[in-house]
Amino acid sequence: MITFRYYDKDEKVDRIWYSSSNILYSECDDKTDDFKELRITFKNGETYAYKKVDVNDYVLFAHGGIDASNGKAFWKIIRPKYEAEKIGKRTAEEINSLMEFYKEKKNKELSTKNSEEKTEGSENA
């Protein structure tokens, strides 16, 4: 299940944190074609890259597939179809710090957007 999601418009990366027994975090590069690069960090910190992931497979994985389980979706959709490349190890602290950074960024974006909408509303009054 998704606990927090942030789409980074500047980097064009979809970042998702999960409440899962298997998966901690994923990043997916938003390329203009139907194929994505997906990076998944598991609970043990191991991080793997999966290249040329079909956008439909990514969406199914991100939303937990038909079982509403990201771990099961990974094992049924991603693992059997896409070659994995181990790219490193991350700690839970690193992943949680990253989430806090993006939560702050999202809150600032929402505050800025709300301020702009209030300004526009007062100008039109």
C-alpha atoms as a PDB file:
ATOM      1  CA  MET A   1       0.000   0.000   0.000  1.00  0.00           C
ATOM      2  CA  ILE A   2       1.257   3.494  -0.838  1.00  0.00           C
ATOM      3  CA  THR A   3       2.057   5.628   2.214  1.00  0.00           C
ATOM      4  CA  PHE A   4       3.386   8.673   0.354  1.00  0.00           C
ATOM      5  CA  ARG A   5       3.826   9.597  -3.288  1.00  0.00           C
ATOM      6  CA  TYR A   6       5.616  12.517  -4.864  1.00  0.00           C
ATOM      7  CA  TYR A   7       5.975  13.243  -8.553  1.00  0.00           C
ATOM      8  CA  ASP A   8       9.132  15.306  -9.054  1.00  0.00           C
ATOM      9  CA  LYS A   9       8.279  17.553 -12.004  1.00  0.00           C
ATOM     10  CA  ASP A  10      11.849  18.831 -12.337  1.00  0.00           C
ATOM     11  CA  GLU A  11      13.506  15.417 -12.455  1.00  0.00           C
ATOM     12  CA  LYS A  12      10.467  13.662 -13.980  1.00  0.00           C
ATOM     13  CA  VAL A  13      10.579  10.898 -11.376  1.00  0.00           C
ATOM     14  CA  ASP A  14       7.631   9.239  -9.661  1.00  0.00           C
ATOM     15  CA  ARG A  15       8.696   8.495  -6.058  1.00  0.00           C
ATOM     16  CA  ILE A  16       6.614   6.153  -3.895  1.00  0.00           C
ATOM     17  CA  TRP A  17       7.015   4.971  -0.298  1.00  0.00           C
ATOM     18  CA  TYR A  18       5.157   1.808   0.697  1.00  0.00           C
ATOM     19  CA  SER A  19       3.726   0.114   3.747  1.00  0.00           C
ATOM     20  CA  SER A  20       4.711  -3.374   2.631  1.00  0.00           C
ATOM     21  CA  SER A  21       6.361  -6.406   4.164  1.00  0.00           C
ATOM     22  CA  ASN A  22       8.689  -6.555   1.151  1.00  0.00           C
ATOM     23  CA  ILE A  23       9.115  -3.168  -0.496  1.00  0.00           C
ATOM     24  CA  LEU A  24      10.167   0.104   1.077  1.00  0.00           C
ATOM     25  CA  TYR A  25      10.443   2.559  -1.821  1.00  0.00           C
ATOM     26  CA  SER A  26      10.443   2.897  -5.603  1.00  0.00           C
ATOM     27  CA  GLU A  27      11.467   5.473  -8.166  1.00  0.00           C
ATOM     28  CA  CYS A  28      10.297   5.420 -11.747  1.00  0.00           C
ATOM     29  CA  ASP A  29      11.738   7.653 -14.459  1.00  0.00           C
ATOM     30  CA  ASP A  30       8.937   9.208 -16.443  1.00  0.00           C
ATOM     31  CA  LYS A  31      10.187   8.906 -19.991  1.00  0.00           C
ATOM     32  CA  THR A  32       8.115  10.049 -22.922  1.00  0.00           C
ATOM     33  CA  ASP A  33       7.645   6.554 -24.339  1.00  0.00           C
ATOM     34  CA  ASP A  34       5.788   3.579 -22.892  1.00  0.00           C
ATOM     35  CA  PHE A  35       8.874   2.116 -21.226  1.00  0.00           C
ATOM     36  CA  LYS A  36      10.207   3.194 -17.850  1.00  0.00           C
ATOM     37  CA  GLU A  37      13.229   2.593 -15.663  1.00  0.00           C
ATOM     38  CA  LEU A  38      12.071   1.396 -12.270  1.00  0.00           C
ATOM     39  CA  ARG A  39      14.265   1.288  -9.163  1.00  0.00           C
ATOM     40  CA  ILE A  40      13.007  -0.618  -6.124  1.00  0.00           C
ATOM     41  CA  THR A  41      14.445  -0.606  -2.616  1.00  0.00           C
ATOM     42  CA  PHE A  42      13.443  -3.613  -0.558  1.00  0.00           C
ATOM     43  CA  LYS A  43      13.093  -3.744   3.232  1.00  0.00           C
ATOM     44  CA  ASN A  44      16.611  -5.183   3.544  1.00  0.00           C
ATOM     45  CA  GLY A  45      17.982  -2.071   1.772  1.00  0.00           C
ATOM     46  CA  GLU A  46      18.935  -3.835  -1.450  1.00  0.00           C
ATOM     47  CA  THR A  47      18.127  -1.640  -4.447  1.00  0.00           C
ATOM     48  CA  TYR A  48      17.603  -2.972  -7.954  1.00  0.00           C
ATOM     49  CA  ALA A  49      16.982  -1.336 -11.326  1.00  0.00           C
ATOM     50  CA  TYR A  50      14.561  -2.754 -13.873  1.00  0.00           C
ATOM     51  CA  LYS A  51      14.850  -1.287 -17.355  1.00  0.00           C
ATOM     52  CA  LYS A  52      12.289  -0.968 -20.131  1.00  0.00           C
ATOM     53  CA  VAL A  53       9.337  -1.620 -17.825  1.00  0.00           C
ATOM     54  CA  ASP A  54       6.038  -1.268 -19.651  1.00  0.00           C
ATOM     55  CA  VAL A  55       3.998   1.630 -18.252  1.00  0.00           C
ATOM     56  CA  ASN A  56       0.990  -0.655 -17.633  1.00  0.00           C
ATOM     57  CA  ASP A  57       3.128  -3.055 -15.601  1.00  0.00           C
ATOM     58  CA  TYR A  58       4.501  -0.138 -13.583  1.00  0.00           C
ATOM     59  CA  VAL A  59       1.016   1.174 -12.799  1.00  0.00           C
ATOM     60  CA  LEU A  60      -0.163  -2.292 -11.731  1.00  0.00           C
ATOM     61  CA  PHE A  61       2.895  -2.722  -9.492  1.00  0.00           C
ATOM     62  CA  ALA A  62       2.626   0.756  -7.957  1.00  0.00           C
ATOM     63  CA  HIS A  63      -1.019   0.207  -7.043  1.00  0.00           C
ATOM     64  CA  GLY A  64      -0.552  -3.336  -5.767  1.00  0.00           C
ATOM     65  CA  GLY A  65      -2.084  -5.221  -8.677  1.00  0.00           C
ATOM     66  CA  ILE A  66      -5.297  -7.190  -8.252  1.00  0.00           C
ATOM     67  CA  ASP A  67      -4.248  -8.364  -4.768  1.00  0.00           C
ATOM     68  CA  ALA A  68      -3.693  -4.806  -3.459  1.00  0.00           C
ATOM     69  CA  SER A  69      -0.228  -5.977  -2.415  1.00  0.00           C
ATOM     70  CA  ASN A  70       2.881  -4.337  -3.823  1.00  0.00           C
ATOM     71  CA  GLY A  71       5.010  -7.339  -2.859  1.00  0.00           C
ATOM     72  CA  LYS A  72       2.721  -9.775  -4.647  1.00  0.00           C
ATOM     73  CA  ALA A  73       2.498  -7.440  -7.644  1.00  0.00           C
ATOM     74  CA  PHE A  74       6.297  -7.294  -7.778  1.00  0.00           C
ATOM     75  CA  TRP A  75       6.611 -11.097  -7.728  1.00  0.00           C
ATOM     76  CA  LYS A  76       3.829 -11.592 -10.319  1.00  0.00           C
ATOM     77  CA  ILE A  77       4.454  -8.655 -12.674  1.00  0.00           C
ATOM     78  CA  ILE A  78       7.969  -7.212 -12.403  1.00  0.00           C
ATOM     79  CA  ARG A  79      10.295 -10.016 -11.316  1.00  0.00           C
ATOM     80  CA  PRO A  80       9.354 -12.613 -13.957  1.00  0.00           C
ATOM     81  CA  LYS A  81       9.379 -10.158 -16.876  1.00  0.00           C
ATOM     82  CA  TYR A  82      12.286  -7.785 -16.283  1.00  0.00           C
ATOM     83  CA  GLU A  83      15.984  -8.333 -15.708  1.00  0.00           C
ATOM     84  CA  ALA A  84      17.250  -6.947 -12.414  1.00  0.00           C
ATOM     85  CA  GLU A  85      20.497  -5.065 -11.914  1.00  0.00           C
ATOM     86  CA  LYS A  86      21.658  -4.605  -8.326  1.00  0.00           C
ATOM     87  CA  ILE A  87      22.598  -0.944  -7.966  1.00  0.00           C
ATOM     88  CA  GLY A  88      23.331  -0.620  -4.267  1.00  0.00           C
ATOM     89  CA  LYS A  89      22.035  -0.613  -0.760  1.00  0.00           C
ATOM     90  CA  ARG A  90      20.129   2.089   1.122  1.00  0.00           C
ATOM     91  CA  THR A  91      19.261   2.328   4.774  1.00  0.00           C
ATOM     92  CA  ALA A  92      15.741   2.838   6.063  1.00  0.00           C
ATOM     93  CA  GLU A  93      17.001   6.121   7.561  1.00  0.00           C
ATOM     94  CA  GLU A  94      18.074   7.348   4.106  1.00  0.00           C
ATOM     95  CA  ILE A  95      14.708   6.443   2.610  1.00  0.00           C
ATOM     96  CA  ASN A  96      12.792   8.054   5.499  1.00  0.00           C
ATOM     97  CA  SER A  97      14.900  11.238   5.276  1.00  0.00           C
ATOM     98  CA  LEU A  98      14.159  11.377   1.567  1.00  0.00           C
ATOM     99  CA  MET A  99      10.442  11.043   2.297  1.00  0.00           C
ATOM    100  CA  GLU A 100      10.575  13.881   4.860  1.00  0.00           C
ATOM    101  CA  PHE A 101      12.375  16.073   2.318  1.00  0.00           C
ATOM    102  CA  TYR A 102       9.692  15.464  -0.318  1.00  0.00           C
ATOM    103  CA  LYS A 103       6.852  15.903   2.185  1.00  0.00           C
ATOM    104  CA  GLU A 104       8.250  19.341   3.030  1.00  0.00           C
ATOM    105  CA  LYS A 105       8.655  20.154  -0.647  1.00  0.00           C
ATOM    106  CA  LYS A 106       5.062  19.098  -1.350  1.00  0.00           C
ATOM    107  CA  ASN A 107       3.761  21.208   1.559  1.00  0.00           C
ATOM    108  CA  LYS A 108       5.666  24.254   0.265  1.00  0.00           C
ATOM    109  CA  GLU A 109       4.264  23.709  -3.232  1.00  0.00           C
ATOM    110  CA  LEU A 110       0.724  23.481  -1.832  1.00  0.00           C
ATOM    111  CA  SER A 111       1.240  26.617   0.291  1.00  0.00           C
ATOM    112  CA  THR A 112       2.536  28.535  -2.728  1.00  0.00           C
ATOM    113  CA  LYS A 113      -0.363  27.324  -4.868  1.00  0.00           C
ATOM    114  CA  ASN A 114      -2.917  28.297  -2.197  1.00  0.00           C
ATOM    115  CA  SER A 115      -1.327  31.759  -1.816  1.00  0.00           C
ATOM    116  CA  GLU A 116      -1.450  32.300  -5.576  1.00  0.00           C
ATOM    117  CA  GLU A 117      -5.103  31.231  -5.722  1.00  0.00           C
ATOM    118  CA  LYS A 118      -6.000  33.624  -2.889  1.00  0.00           C
ATOM    119  CA  THR A 119      -4.165  36.452  -4.645  1.00  0.00           C
ATOM    120  CA  GLU A 120      -5.992  35.754  -7.910  1.00  0.00           C
ATOM    121  CA  GLY A 121      -9.329  35.624  -6.060  1.00  0.00           C
ATOM    122  CA  SER A 122      -8.786  38.996  -4.383  1.00  0.00           C
ATOM    123  CA  GLU A 123      -7.743  40.613  -7.681  1.00  0.00           C
ATOM    124  CA  ASN A 124     -10.964  39.453  -9.342  1.00  0.00           C
ATOM    125  CA  ALA A 125     -13.190  40.711  -6.511  1.00  0.00           C
END
